[in-house]
Amino acid sequence: MNILENGFTPSEAQIKYLDADYVVVKPGTFVRCAVTGAPIPIEELTYWSVDRQEPYANAEAAFTAYLRDHKG
């Protein structure tokens, strides 16, 4: 199915985050940023945490998550 065809519905993927790579567990078109909740298209996914198994929309969101988990 072409994404430009009528009836195409974006869906949330489930991903296992690895070092420098990831494995799609459940296919979809996007994942949600763990900090902002913003949808991240799979083809634009750049930032994630292996330890926390969560994606981030950008470097700022990744740093916010890091600070959240490394308080004092």
Protein backbone atom coordinates (compact mmCIF):
# COMPACT_ATOMS: atom_id res chain seq x y z
CA MET A 1 0.00 0.00 0.00
CA ASN A 2 1.26 3.43 -0.91
CA ILE A 3 1.16 5.95 1.96
CA LEU A 4 -0.43 8.47 -0.38
CA GLU A 5 -3.42 6.23 -1.05
CA ASN A 6 -6.69 6.94 0.70
CA GLY A 7 -7.18 4.92 3.86
CA PHE A 8 -3.58 5.09 5.05
CA THR A 9 -3.45 5.56 8.81
CA PRO A 10 -0.19 6.27 10.62
CA SER A 11 0.42 3.81 13.44
CA GLU A 12 2.75 3.69 16.43
CA ALA A 13 5.62 1.23 16.18
CA GLN A 14 7.16 -0.74 19.03
CA ILE A 15 10.94 -0.80 18.97
CA LYS A 16 13.74 -2.47 20.92
CA TYR A 17 16.55 0.08 21.18
CA LEU A 18 20.10 -1.24 20.81
CA ASP A 19 23.54 0.40 20.73
CA ALA A 20 23.66 2.38 17.45
CA ASP A 21 20.69 0.45 16.05
CA TYR A 22 17.17 -0.69 16.83
CA VAL A 23 14.86 -3.60 16.03
CA VAL A 24 11.25 -3.05 15.05
CA VAL A 25 9.12 -5.33 17.23
CA LYS A 26 5.76 -4.10 15.91
CA PRO A 27 5.76 -2.26 12.57
CA GLY A 28 4.47 1.27 12.43
CA THR A 29 5.22 4.69 11.02
CA PHE A 30 6.27 6.52 14.19
CA VAL A 31 7.24 6.30 17.87
CA ARG A 32 6.45 8.85 20.61
CA CYS A 33 9.10 10.95 22.32
CA ALA A 34 9.37 9.85 25.96
CA VAL A 35 9.81 13.48 27.10
CA THR A 36 7.53 15.55 24.86
CA GLY A 37 5.04 12.98 23.59
CA ALA A 38 5.62 14.23 20.04
CA PRO A 39 5.40 11.63 17.27
CA ILE A 40 8.76 10.84 15.66
CA PRO A 41 8.65 9.32 12.16
CA ILE A 42 10.70 6.11 12.15
CA GLU A 43 12.89 7.42 9.32
CA GLU A 44 13.79 10.46 11.47
CA LEU A 45 14.53 8.54 14.69
CA THR A 46 18.01 9.56 15.83
CA TYR A 47 17.99 9.75 19.64
CA TRP A 48 17.12 6.99 22.11
CA SER A 49 18.25 5.38 25.34
CA VAL A 50 19.23 1.73 25.41
CA ASP A 51 19.08 1.65 29.23
CA ARG A 52 15.64 3.28 29.47
CA GLN A 53 14.35 1.83 26.18
CA GLU A 54 12.78 5.13 25.13
CA PRO A 55 13.02 7.42 22.08
CA TYR A 56 13.57 11.18 22.01
CA ALA A 57 12.52 13.77 19.44
CA ASN A 58 15.83 15.66 19.61
CA ALA A 59 19.04 16.14 21.60
CA GLU A 60 17.36 18.53 24.03
CA ALA A 61 14.72 15.93 24.93
CA ALA A 62 17.43 13.27 25.36
CA PHE A 63 19.36 15.57 27.69
CA THR A 64 16.19 16.36 29.67
CA ALA A 65 15.64 12.61 30.17
CA TYR A 66 19.26 12.18 31.22
CA LEU A 67 18.93 14.95 33.82
CA ARG A 68 15.62 13.50 35.03
CA ASP A 69 17.28 10.15 35.74
CA HIS A 70 20.57 11.49 37.16
CA LYS A 71 19.42 13.88 39.84
CA GLY A 72 21.76 14.08 42.85
